[in-house]
Amino acid sequence: MKLRGAKPKKWYNYLFESLISPFNCILLGIMAVLFYTDVYLPDTPSYANIIVIAILVLSSTLLEFFEEYRSNKAAEKLKELVATTANVLRDGREVQIPIREIALR
C-alpha cells in the first residue's frame, strides 16, 4: 500500500479561485452598479466604463491565475525531489528507509 499525499488541483480550479478573488468581486459589484446607471437608466447607453472594468477583471484574473498555477507547479516539482524517510526497527536494529516501503496495517 502506498501513502498518498494531497492531490494537486486542476488548472480550472486555479482559474475559478482567481476569478472569485475579493478584488474581482468588488470590481464585479461596481460593474453591476455601472450597468444599471450607465446602460439601463439613460436613453443613450454608454458601455465605456463597463468595458474598462471588464478588462481590469480579466487582466487581474489572468495575472493571478498564471502566478498561482506556476508557483504551485514549481512546489510540486520540489516535493518530488525531497526524499522522505523514516526510522524503523528491522531485525532488532534501527534503520532508515523510504516511507513508501513502510507497510500499513
PDB file of N, CA and C in Angstrom:
ATOM      1  N   MET A   1       0.847  -1.176   0.000  1.00  0.00           N
ATOM      2  CA  MET A   1       0.000   0.000   0.000  1.00  0.00           C
ATOM      3  C   MET A   1       0.892   1.237   0.000  1.00  0.00           C
ATOM      4  N   LYS A   2       0.453   2.240  -0.696  1.00  0.00           N
ATOM      5  CA  LYS A   2       1.236   3.454  -0.834  1.00  0.00           C
ATOM      6  C   LYS A   2       0.588   4.592  -0.065  1.00  0.00           C
ATOM      7  N   LEU A   3       1.410   5.381   0.629  1.00  0.00           N
ATOM      8  CA  LEU A   3       0.900   6.569   1.292  1.00  0.00           C
ATOM      9  C   LEU A   3       0.594   7.631   0.243  1.00  0.00           C
ATOM     10  N   ARG A   4      -0.551   8.235   0.376  1.00  0.00           N
ATOM     11  CA  ARG A   4      -0.948   9.233  -0.610  1.00  0.00           C
ATOM     12  C   ARG A   4      -0.928  10.623  -0.002  1.00  0.00           C
ATOM     13  N   GLY A   5      -0.435  11.555  -0.789  1.00  0.00           N
ATOM     14  CA  GLY A   5      -0.467  12.954  -0.393  1.00  0.00           C
ATOM     15  C   GLY A   5      -1.710  13.600  -0.983  1.00  0.00           C
ATOM     16  N   ALA A   6      -1.805  14.869  -0.802  1.00  0.00           N
ATOM     17  CA  ALA A   6      -2.938  15.605  -1.363  1.00  0.00           C
ATOM     18  C   ALA A   6      -2.825  15.637  -2.879  1.00  0.00           C
ATOM     19  N   LYS A   7      -3.961  15.486  -3.541  1.00  0.00           N
ATOM     20  CA  LYS A   7      -3.964  15.560  -4.999  1.00  0.00           C
ATOM     21  C   LYS A   7      -3.746  16.998  -5.439  1.00  0.00           C
ATOM     22  N   PRO A   8      -2.934  17.186  -6.470  1.00  0.00           N
ATOM     23  CA  PRO A   8      -2.769  18.557  -6.978  1.00  0.00           C
ATOM     24  C   PRO A   8      -4.056  19.037  -7.644  1.00  0.00           C
ATOM     25  N   LYS A   9      -4.300  20.322  -7.537  1.00  0.00           N
ATOM     26  CA  LYS A   9      -5.505  20.895  -8.134  1.00  0.00           C
ATOM     27  C   LYS A   9      -5.370  20.953  -9.649  1.00  0.00           C
ATOM     28  N   LYS A  10      -6.502  20.934 -10.305  1.00  0.00           N
ATOM     29  CA  LYS A  10      -6.542  21.102 -11.753  1.00  0.00           C
ATOM     30  C   LYS A  10      -6.443  22.582 -12.093  1.00  0.00           C
ATOM     31  N   TRP A  11      -6.089  22.883 -13.330  1.00  0.00           N
ATOM     32  CA  TRP A  11      -5.895  24.271 -13.756  1.00  0.00           C
ATOM     33  C   TRP A  11      -7.167  25.085 -13.627  1.00  0.00           C
ATOM     34  N   TYR A  12      -8.312  24.478 -13.891  1.00  0.00           N
ATOM     35  CA  TYR A  12      -9.567  25.235 -13.834  1.00  0.00           C
ATOM     36  C   TYR A  12      -9.934  25.615 -12.409  1.00  0.00           C
ATOM     37  N   ASN A  13      -9.459  24.881 -11.409  1.00  0.00           N
ATOM     38  CA  ASN A  13      -9.681  25.280 -10.016  1.00  0.00           C
ATOM     39  C   ASN A  13      -8.932  26.576  -9.704  1.00  0.00           C
ATOM     40  N   TYR A  14      -7.688  26.673 -10.197  1.00  0.00           N
ATOM     41  CA  TYR A  14      -6.922  27.900 -10.001  1.00  0.00           C
ATOM     42  C   TYR A  14      -7.583  29.076 -10.714  1.00  0.00           C
ATOM     43  N   LEU A  15      -8.110  28.825 -11.920  1.00  0.00           N
ATOM     44  CA  LEU A  15      -8.758  29.892 -12.674  1.00  0.00           C
ATOM     45  C   LEU A  15     -10.010  30.389 -11.961  1.00  0.00           C
ATOM     46  N   PHE A  16     -10.818  29.466 -11.443  1.00  0.00           N
ATOM     47  CA  PHE A  16     -12.036  29.859 -10.729  1.00  0.00           C
ATOM     48  C   PHE A  16     -11.701  30.633  -9.460  1.00  0.00           C
ATOM     49  N   GLU A  17     -10.699  30.171  -8.710  1.00  0.00           N
ATOM     50  CA  GLU A  17     -10.301  30.874  -7.490  1.00  0.00           C
ATOM     51  C   GLU A  17      -9.757  32.267  -7.806  1.00  0.00           C
ATOM     52  N   SER A  18      -9.077  32.404  -8.939  1.00  0.00           N
ATOM     53  CA  SER A  18      -8.565  33.714  -9.339  1.00  0.00           C
ATOM     54  C   SER A  18      -9.699  34.655  -9.720  1.00  0.00           C
ATOM     55  N   LEU A  19     -10.734  34.115 -10.338  1.00  0.00           N
ATOM     56  CA  LEU A  19     -11.872  34.940 -10.749  1.00  0.00           C
ATOM     57  C   LEU A  19     -12.662  35.439  -9.544  1.00  0.00           C
ATOM     58  N   ILE A  20     -12.757  34.618  -8.511  1.00  0.00           N
ATOM     59  CA  ILE A  20     -13.564  34.973  -7.339  1.00  0.00           C
ATOM     60  C   ILE A  20     -12.678  35.531  -6.223  1.00  0.00           C
ATOM     61  N   SER A  21     -11.694  36.306  -6.585  1.00  0.00           N
ATOM     62  CA  SER A  21     -10.879  36.964  -5.565  1.00  0.00           C
ATOM     63  C   SER A  21     -11.639  38.176  -5.024  1.00  0.00           C
ATOM     64  N   PRO A  22     -11.300  38.659  -3.844  1.00  0.00           N
ATOM     65  CA  PRO A  22     -12.008  39.820  -3.279  1.00  0.00           C
ATOM     66  C   PRO A  22     -11.936  41.059  -4.182  1.00  0.00           C
ATOM     67  N   PHE A  23     -10.789  41.293  -4.788  1.00  0.00           N
ATOM     68  CA  PHE A  23     -10.640  42.448  -5.674  1.00  0.00           C
ATOM     69  C   PHE A  23     -11.600  42.353  -6.863  1.00  0.00           C
ATOM     70  N   ASN A  24     -11.662  41.166  -7.462  1.00  0.00           N
ATOM     71  CA  ASN A  24     -12.560  40.982  -8.605  1.00  0.00           C
ATOM     72  C   ASN A  24     -14.028  41.063  -8.190  1.00  0.00           C
ATOM     73  N   CYS A  25     -14.360  40.598  -7.008  1.00  0.00           N
ATOM     74  CA  CYS A  25     -15.747  40.702  -6.541  1.00  0.00           C
ATOM     75  C   CYS A  25     -16.161  42.167  -6.389  1.00  0.00           C
ATOM     76  N   ILE A  26     -15.255  42.982  -5.886  1.00  0.00           N
ATOM     77  CA  ILE A  26     -15.544  44.421  -5.768  1.00  0.00           C
ATOM     78  C   ILE A  26     -15.734  45.025  -7.158  1.00  0.00           C
ATOM     79  N   LEU A  27     -14.845  44.676  -8.084  1.00  0.00           N
ATOM     80  CA  LEU A  27     -14.969  45.195  -9.441  1.00  0.00           C
ATOM     81  C   LEU A  27     -16.261  44.731 -10.115  1.00  0.00           C
ATOM     82  N   LEU A  28     -16.648  43.496  -9.884  1.00  0.00           N
ATOM     83  CA  LEU A  28     -17.899  42.992 -10.474  1.00  0.00           C
ATOM     84  C   LEU A  28     -19.109  43.706  -9.877  1.00  0.00           C
ATOM     85  N   GLY A  29     -19.042  44.035  -8.587  1.00  0.00           N
ATOM     86  CA  GLY A  29     -20.118  44.813  -7.967  1.00  0.00           C
ATOM     87  C   GLY A  29     -20.213  46.207  -8.560  1.00  0.00           C
ATOM     88  N   ILE A  30     -19.060  46.845  -8.762  1.00  0.00           N
ATOM     89  CA  ILE A  30     -19.039  48.174  -9.396  1.00  0.00           C
ATOM     90  C   ILE A  30     -19.580  48.088 -10.817  1.00  0.00           C
ATOM     91  N   MET A  31     -19.224  47.013 -11.508  1.00  0.00           N
ATOM     92  CA  MET A  31     -19.698  46.850 -12.874  1.00  0.00           C
ATOM     93  C   MET A  31     -21.221  46.679 -12.916  1.00  0.00           C
ATOM     94  N   ALA A  32     -21.787  45.988 -11.932  1.00  0.00           N
ATOM     95  CA  ALA A  32     -23.241  45.837 -11.877  1.00  0.00           C
ATOM     96  C   ALA A  32     -23.925  47.182 -11.647  1.00  0.00           C
ATOM     97  N   VAL A  33     -23.363  47.994 -10.750  1.00  0.00           N
ATOM     98  CA  VAL A  33     -23.930  49.323 -10.496  1.00  0.00           C
ATOM     99  C   VAL A  33     -23.804  50.185 -11.752  1.00  0.00           C
ATOM    100  N   LEU A  34     -22.652  50.136 -12.401  1.00  0.00           N
ATOM    101  CA  LEU A  34     -22.465  50.915 -13.629  1.00  0.00           C
ATOM    102  C   LEU A  34     -23.392  50.448 -14.750  1.00  0.00           C
ATOM    103  N   PHE A  35     -23.659  49.179 -14.815  1.00  0.00           N
ATOM    104  CA  PHE A  35     -24.594  48.687 -15.827  1.00  0.00           C
ATOM    105  C   PHE A  35     -25.974  49.304 -15.598  1.00  0.00           C
ATOM    106  N   TYR A  36     -26.372  49.361 -14.339  1.00  0.00           N
ATOM    107  CA  TYR A  36     -27.683  49.950 -14.023  1.00  0.00           C
ATOM    108  C   TYR A  36     -27.699  51.450 -14.322  1.00  0.00           C
ATOM    109  N   THR A  37     -26.642  52.168 -13.916  1.00  0.00           N
ATOM    110  CA  THR A  37     -26.652  53.630 -14.069  1.00  0.00           C
ATOM    111  C   THR A  37     -26.257  54.108 -15.461  1.00  0.00           C
ATOM    112  N   ASP A  38     -25.413  53.357 -16.180  1.00  0.00           N
ATOM    113  CA  ASP A  38     -24.925  53.812 -17.483  1.00  0.00           C
ATOM    114  C   ASP A  38     -25.619  53.154 -18.675  1.00  0.00           C
ATOM    115  N   VAL A  39     -26.253  52.013 -18.452  1.00  0.00           N
ATOM    116  CA  VAL A  39     -26.874  51.313 -19.579  1.00  0.00           C
ATOM    117  C   VAL A  39     -28.391  51.239 -19.419  1.00  0.00           C
ATOM    118  N   TYR A  40     -28.859  50.833 -18.276  1.00  0.00           N
ATOM    119  CA  TYR A  40     -30.288  50.597 -18.077  1.00  0.00           C
ATOM    120  C   TYR A  40     -31.085  51.895 -17.930  1.00  0.00           C
ATOM    121  N   LEU A  41     -30.607  52.837 -17.140  1.00  0.00           N
ATOM    122  CA  LEU A  41     -31.359  54.069 -16.863  1.00  0.00           C
ATOM    123  C   LEU A  41     -31.342  55.109 -17.995  1.00  0.00           C
ATOM    124  N   PRO A  42     -30.212  55.441 -18.585  1.00  0.00           N
ATOM    125  CA  PRO A  42     -30.216  56.540 -19.573  1.00  0.00           C
ATOM    126  C   PRO A  42     -30.846  56.140 -20.909  1.00  0.00           C
ATOM    127  N   ASP A  43     -31.228  57.195 -21.681  1.00  0.00           N
ATOM    128  CA  ASP A  43     -31.806  56.951 -23.007  1.00  0.00           C
ATOM    129  C   ASP A  43     -30.740  56.477 -23.995  1.00  0.00           C
ATOM    130  N   THR A  44     -29.540  57.023 -23.890  1.00  0.00           N
ATOM    131  CA  THR A  44     -28.430  56.571 -24.738  1.00  0.00           C
ATOM    132  C   THR A  44     -27.411  55.853 -23.855  1.00  0.00           C
ATOM    133  N   PRO A  45     -27.360  54.533 -23.922  1.00  0.00           N
ATOM    134  CA  PRO A  45     -26.461  53.775 -23.044  1.00  0.00           C
ATOM    135  C   PRO A  45     -24.985  53.997 -23.389  1.00  0.00           C
ATOM    136  N   SER A  46     -24.160  53.969 -22.369  1.00  0.00           N
ATOM    137  CA  SER A  46     -22.708  54.105 -22.517  1.00  0.00           C
ATOM    138  C   SER A  46     -22.039  52.870 -21.904  1.00  0.00           C
ATOM    139  N   TYR A  47     -21.287  52.158 -22.719  1.00  0.00           N
ATOM    140  CA  TYR A  47     -20.641  50.924 -22.274  1.00  0.00           C
ATOM    141  C   TYR A  47     -19.163  51.124 -21.936  1.00  0.00           C
ATOM    142  N   ALA A  48     -18.650  52.323 -22.044  1.00  0.00           N
ATOM    143  CA  ALA A  48     -17.210  52.576 -21.882  1.00  0.00           C
ATOM    144  C   ALA A  48     -16.698  52.158 -20.505  1.00  0.00           C
ATOM    145  N   ASN A  49     -17.362  52.586 -19.442  1.00  0.00           N
ATOM    146  CA  ASN A  49     -16.911  52.253 -18.083  1.00  0.00           C
ATOM    147  C   ASN A  49     -16.988  50.752 -17.820  1.00  0.00           C
ATOM    148  N   ILE A  50     -18.013  50.116 -18.329  1.00  0.00           N
ATOM    149  CA  ILE A  50     -18.181  48.671 -18.121  1.00  0.00           C
ATOM    150  C   ILE A  50     -17.079  47.903 -18.840  1.00  0.00           C
ATOM    151  N   ILE A  51     -16.717  48.350 -20.029  1.00  0.00           N
ATOM    152  CA  ILE A  51     -15.650  47.682 -20.777  1.00  0.00           C
ATOM    153  C   ILE A  51     -14.320  47.827 -20.055  1.00  0.00           C
ATOM    154  N   VAL A  52     -14.056  48.998 -19.520  1.00  0.00           N
ATOM    155  CA  VAL A  52     -12.802  49.228 -18.788  1.00  0.00           C
ATOM    156  C   VAL A  52     -12.730  48.305 -17.567  1.00  0.00           C
ATOM    157  N   ILE A  53     -13.807  48.211 -16.818  1.00  0.00           N
ATOM    158  CA  ILE A  53     -13.805  47.356 -15.620  1.00  0.00           C
ATOM    159  C   ILE A  53     -13.729  45.886 -16.010  1.00  0.00           C
ATOM    160  N   ALA A  54     -14.370  45.490 -17.096  1.00  0.00           N
ATOM    161  CA  ALA A  54     -14.276  44.102 -17.560  1.00  0.00           C
ATOM    162  C   ALA A  54     -12.837  43.755 -17.941  1.00  0.00           C
ATOM    163  N   ILE A  55     -12.132  44.696 -18.554  1.00  0.00           N
ATOM    164  CA  ILE A  55     -10.721  44.476 -18.892  1.00  0.00           C
ATOM    165  C   ILE A  55      -9.885  44.354 -17.619  1.00  0.00           C
ATOM    166  N   LEU A  56     -10.191  45.162 -16.608  1.00  0.00           N
ATOM    167  CA  LEU A  56      -9.480  45.061 -15.324  1.00  0.00           C
ATOM    168  C   LEU A  56      -9.719  43.702 -14.664  1.00  0.00           C
ATOM    169  N   VAL A  57     -10.951  43.235 -14.690  1.00  0.00           N
ATOM    170  CA  VAL A  57     -11.275  41.926 -14.104  1.00  0.00           C
ATOM    171  C   VAL A  57     -10.540  40.825 -14.852  1.00  0.00           C
ATOM    172  N   LEU A  58     -10.565  40.884 -16.180  1.00  0.00           N
ATOM    173  CA  LEU A  58      -9.895  39.868 -16.987  1.00  0.00           C
ATOM    174  C   LEU A  58      -8.388  39.862 -16.746  1.00  0.00           C
ATOM    175  N   SER A  59      -7.768  41.028 -16.737  1.00  0.00           N
ATOM    176  CA  SER A  59      -6.318  41.081 -16.526  1.00  0.00           C
ATOM    177  C   SER A  59      -5.940  40.648 -15.107  1.00  0.00           C
ATOM    178  N   SER A  60      -6.722  41.053 -14.128  1.00  0.00           N
ATOM    179  CA  SER A  60      -6.457  40.635 -12.749  1.00  0.00           C
ATOM    180  C   SER A  60      -6.577  39.122 -12.603  1.00  0.00           C
ATOM    181  N   THR A  61      -7.609  38.560 -13.197  1.00  0.00           N
ATOM    182  CA  THR A  61      -7.827  37.115 -13.126  1.00  0.00           C
ATOM    183  C   THR A  61      -6.685  36.361 -13.789  1.00  0.00           C
ATOM    184  N   LEU A  62      -6.296  36.770 -14.972  1.00  0.00           N
ATOM    185  CA  LEU A  62      -5.234  36.070 -15.691  1.00  0.00           C
ATOM    186  C   LEU A  62      -3.889  36.194 -14.993  1.00  0.00           C
ATOM    187  N   LEU A  63      -3.565  37.370 -14.474  1.00  0.00           N
ATOM    188  CA  LEU A  63      -2.300  37.534 -13.758  1.00  0.00           C
ATOM    189  C   LEU A  63      -2.240  36.657 -12.515  1.00  0.00           C
ATOM    190  N   GLU A  64      -3.308  36.678 -11.738  1.00  0.00           N
ATOM    191  CA  GLU A  64      -3.331  35.865 -10.518  1.00  0.00           C
ATOM    192  C   GLU A  64      -3.299  34.378 -10.847  1.00  0.00           C
ATOM    193  N   PHE A  65      -4.022  33.985 -11.897  1.00  0.00           N
ATOM    194  CA  PHE A  65      -4.057  32.574 -12.300  1.00  0.00           C
ATOM    195  C   PHE A  65      -2.660  32.086 -12.687  1.00  0.00           C
ATOM    196  N   PHE A  66      -1.974  32.820 -13.553  1.00  0.00           N
ATOM    197  CA  PHE A  66      -0.662  32.366 -14.000  1.00  0.00           C
ATOM    198  C   PHE A  66       0.350  32.341 -12.861  1.00  0.00           C
ATOM    199  N   GLU A  67       0.309  33.311 -11.964  1.00  0.00           N
ATOM    200  CA  GLU A  67       1.226  33.306 -10.815  1.00  0.00           C
ATOM    201  C   GLU A  67       0.962  32.107  -9.914  1.00  0.00           C
ATOM    202  N   GLU A  68      -0.285  31.892  -9.591  1.00  0.00           N
ATOM    203  CA  GLU A  68      -0.664  30.802  -8.689  1.00  0.00           C
ATOM    204  C   GLU A  68      -0.354  29.441  -9.309  1.00  0.00           C
ATOM    205  N   TYR A  69      -0.713  29.273 -10.560  1.00  0.00           N
ATOM    206  CA  TYR A  69      -0.524  27.989 -11.236  1.00  0.00           C
ATOM    207  C   TYR A  69       0.960  27.651 -11.360  1.00  0.00           C
ATOM    208  N   ARG A  70       1.770  28.622 -11.792  1.00  0.00           N
ATOM    209  CA  ARG A  70       3.206  28.356 -11.938  1.00  0.00           C
ATOM    210  C   ARG A  70       3.878  28.085 -10.601  1.00  0.00           C
ATOM    211  N   SER A  71       3.515  28.822  -9.562  1.00  0.00           N
ATOM    212  CA  SER A  71       4.152  28.606  -8.266  1.00  0.00           C
ATOM    213  C   SER A  71       3.775  27.249  -7.685  1.00  0.00           C
ATOM    214  N   ASN A  72       2.552  26.817  -7.879  1.00  0.00           N
ATOM    215  CA  ASN A  72       2.150  25.504  -7.366  1.00  0.00           C
ATOM    216  C   ASN A  72       2.785  24.370  -8.163  1.00  0.00           C
ATOM    217  N   LYS A  73       2.970  24.543  -9.454  1.00  0.00           N
ATOM    218  CA  LYS A  73       3.675  23.531 -10.248  1.00  0.00           C
ATOM    219  C   LYS A  73       5.126  23.425  -9.797  1.00  0.00           C
ATOM    220  N   ALA A  74       5.752  24.556  -9.507  1.00  0.00           N
ATOM    221  CA  ALA A  74       7.132  24.539  -9.015  1.00  0.00           C
ATOM    222  C   ALA A  74       7.212  23.856  -7.652  1.00  0.00           C
ATOM    223  N   ALA A  75       6.234  24.092  -6.795  1.00  0.00           N
ATOM    224  CA  ALA A  75       6.218  23.445  -5.472  1.00  0.00           C
ATOM    225  C   ALA A  75       6.042  21.937  -5.606  1.00  0.00           C
ATOM    226  N   GLU A  76       5.229  21.492  -6.556  1.00  0.00           N
ATOM    227  CA  GLU A  76       5.059  20.052  -6.772  1.00  0.00           C
ATOM    228  C   GLU A  76       6.362  19.412  -7.240  1.00  0.00           C
ATOM    229  N   LYS A  77       7.098  20.096  -8.108  1.00  0.00           N
ATOM    230  CA  LYS A  77       8.386  19.567  -8.567  1.00  0.00           C
ATOM    231  C   LYS A  77       9.381  19.477  -7.417  1.00  0.00           C
ATOM    232  N   LEU A  78       9.343  20.462  -6.520  1.00  0.00           N
ATOM    233  CA  LEU A  78      10.227  20.414  -5.353  1.00  0.00           C
ATOM    234  C   LEU A  78       9.875  19.262  -4.429  1.00  0.00           C
ATOM    235  N   LYS A  79       8.591  18.985  -4.277  1.00  0.00           N
ATOM    236  CA  LYS A  79       8.174  17.860  -3.436  1.00  0.00           C
ATOM    237  C   LYS A  79       8.686  16.538  -3.970  1.00  0.00           C
ATOM    238  N   GLU A  80       8.756  16.417  -5.302  1.00  0.00           N
ATOM    239  CA  GLU A  80       9.265  15.181  -5.900  1.00  0.00           C
ATOM    240  C   GLU A  80      10.752  14.989  -5.625  1.00  0.00           C
ATOM    241  N   LEU A  81      11.477  16.082  -5.439  1.00  0.00           N
ATOM    242  CA  LEU A  81      12.909  15.993  -5.188  1.00  0.00           C
ATOM    243  C   LEU A  81      13.236  15.609  -3.748  1.00  0.00           C
ATOM    244  N   VAL A  82      12.302  15.839  -2.841  1.00  0.00           N
ATOM    245  CA  VAL A  82      12.542  15.568  -1.428  1.00  0.00           C
ATOM    246  C   VAL A  82      12.316  14.080  -1.154  1.00  0.00           C
ATOM    247  N   ALA A  83      13.318  13.441  -0.596  1.00  0.00           N
ATOM    248  CA  ALA A  83      13.197  12.035  -0.221  1.00  0.00           C
ATOM    249  C   ALA A  83      12.781  11.957   1.243  1.00  0.00           C
ATOM    250  N   THR A  84      11.602  11.460   1.492  1.00  0.00           N
ATOM    251  CA  THR A  84      11.099  11.355   2.857  1.00  0.00           C
ATOM    252  C   THR A  84      11.414   9.970   3.389  1.00  0.00           C
ATOM    253  N   THR A  85      12.073   9.923   4.545  1.00  0.00           N
ATOM    254  CA  THR A  85      12.455   8.642   5.147  1.00  0.00           C
ATOM    255  C   THR A  85      11.909   8.559   6.569  1.00  0.00           C
ATOM    256  N   ALA A  86      11.952   7.337   7.087  1.00  0.00           N
ATOM    257  CA  ALA A  86      11.519   7.097   8.458  1.00  0.00           C
ATOM    258  C   ALA A  86      12.485   6.122   9.118  1.00  0.00           C
ATOM    259  N   ASN A  87      12.647   6.267  10.420  1.00  0.00           N
ATOM    260  CA  ASN A  87      13.444   5.318  11.191  1.00  0.00           C
ATOM    261  C   ASN A  87      12.528   4.219  11.700  1.00  0.00           C
ATOM    262  N   VAL A  88      12.874   2.962  11.382  1.00  0.00           N
ATOM    263  CA  VAL A  88      12.065   1.812  11.787  1.00  0.00           C
ATOM    264  C   VAL A  88      12.962   0.748  12.418  1.00  0.00           C
ATOM    265  N   LEU A  89      12.347  -0.158  13.155  1.00  0.00           N
ATOM    266  CA  LEU A  89      13.079  -1.278  13.730  1.00  0.00           C
ATOM    267  C   LEU A  89      12.977  -2.474  12.789  1.00  0.00           C
ATOM    268  N   ARG A  90      14.096  -2.958  12.329  1.00  0.00           N
ATOM    269  CA  ARG A  90      14.161  -4.141  11.470  1.00  0.00           C
ATOM    270  C   ARG A  90      15.212  -5.077  12.046  1.00  0.00           C
ATOM    271  N   ASP A  91      14.803  -6.286  12.311  1.00  0.00           N
ATOM    272  CA  ASP A  91      15.705  -7.297  12.876  1.00  0.00           C
ATOM    273  C   ASP A  91      16.399  -6.810  14.136  1.00  0.00           C
ATOM    274  N   GLY A  92      15.665  -6.080  14.980  1.00  0.00           N
ATOM    275  CA  GLY A  92      16.180  -5.630  16.256  1.00  0.00           C
ATOM    276  C   GLY A  92      17.070  -4.400  16.208  1.00  0.00           C
ATOM    277  N   ARG A  93      17.251  -3.814  15.054  1.00  0.00           N
ATOM    278  CA  ARG A  93      18.050  -2.594  14.984  1.00  0.00           C
ATOM    279  C   ARG A  93      17.302  -1.523  14.189  1.00  0.00           C
ATOM    280  N   GLU A  94      17.678  -0.282  14.475  1.00  0.00           N
ATOM    281  CA  GLU A  94      17.008   0.860  13.846  1.00  0.00           C
ATOM    282  C   GLU A  94      17.666   1.179  12.501  1.00  0.00           C
ATOM    283  N   VAL A  95      16.827   1.203  11.455  1.00  0.00           N
ATOM    284  CA  VAL A  95      17.333   1.546  10.119  1.00  0.00           C
ATOM    285  C   VAL A  95      16.459   2.645   9.518  1.00  0.00           C
ATOM    286  N   GLN A  96      17.017   3.348   8.556  1.00  0.00           N
ATOM    287  CA  GLN A  96      16.286   4.420   7.891  1.00  0.00           C
ATOM    288  C   GLN A  96      15.892   3.943   6.492  1.00  0.00           C
ATOM    289  N   ILE A  97      14.566   3.987   6.209  1.00  0.00           N
ATOM    290  CA  ILE A  97      14.070   3.538   4.908  1.00  0.00           C
ATOM    291  C   ILE A  97      13.112   4.585   4.333  1.00  0.00           C
ATOM    292  N   PRO A  98      12.904   4.560   3.010  1.00  0.00           N
ATOM    293  CA  PRO A  98      11.918   5.471   2.410  1.00  0.00           C
ATOM    294  C   PRO A  98      10.512   5.150   2.917  1.00  0.00           C
ATOM    295  N   ILE A  99       9.713   6.173   3.082  1.00  0.00           N
ATOM    296  CA  ILE A  99       8.361   5.984   3.616  1.00  0.00           C
ATOM    297  C   ILE A  99       7.526   5.087   2.719  1.00  0.00           C
ATOM    298  N   ARG A 100       7.756   5.117   1.413  1.00  0.00           N
ATOM    299  CA  ARG A 100       6.940   4.303   0.507  1.00  0.00           C
ATOM    300  C   ARG A 100       7.115   2.800   0.741  1.00  0.00           C
ATOM    301  N   GLU A 101       8.182   2.412   1.474  1.00  0.00           N
ATOM    302  CA  GLU A 101       8.422   0.997   1.743  1.00  0.00           C
ATOM    303  C   GLU A 101       7.801   0.544   3.066  1.00  0.00           C
ATOM    304  N   ILE A 102       7.139   1.432   3.788  1.00  0.00           N
ATOM    305  CA  ILE A 102       6.509   1.079   5.046  1.00  0.00           C
ATOM    306  C   ILE A 102       5.154   0.469   4.739  1.00  0.00           C
ATOM    307  N   ALA A 103       4.885  -0.684   5.310  1.00  0.00           N
ATOM    308  CA  ALA A 103       3.597  -1.352   5.108  1.00  0.00           C
ATOM    309  C   ALA A 103       2.610  -0.845   6.150  1.00  0.00           C
ATOM    310  N   LEU A 104       1.422  -0.494   5.714  1.00  0.00           N
ATOM    311  CA  LEU A 104       0.364  -0.060   6.629  1.00  0.00           C
ATOM    312  C   LEU A 104      -0.480  -1.261   7.029  1.00  0.00           C
ATOM    313  N   ARG A 105      -0.889  -1.280   8.279  1.00  0.00           N
ATOM    314  CA  ARG A 105      -1.715  -2.398   8.752  1.00  0.00           C
ATOM    315  C   ARG A 105      -3.059  -1.898   9.176  1.00  0.00           C
TER     316      ARG A 105
END
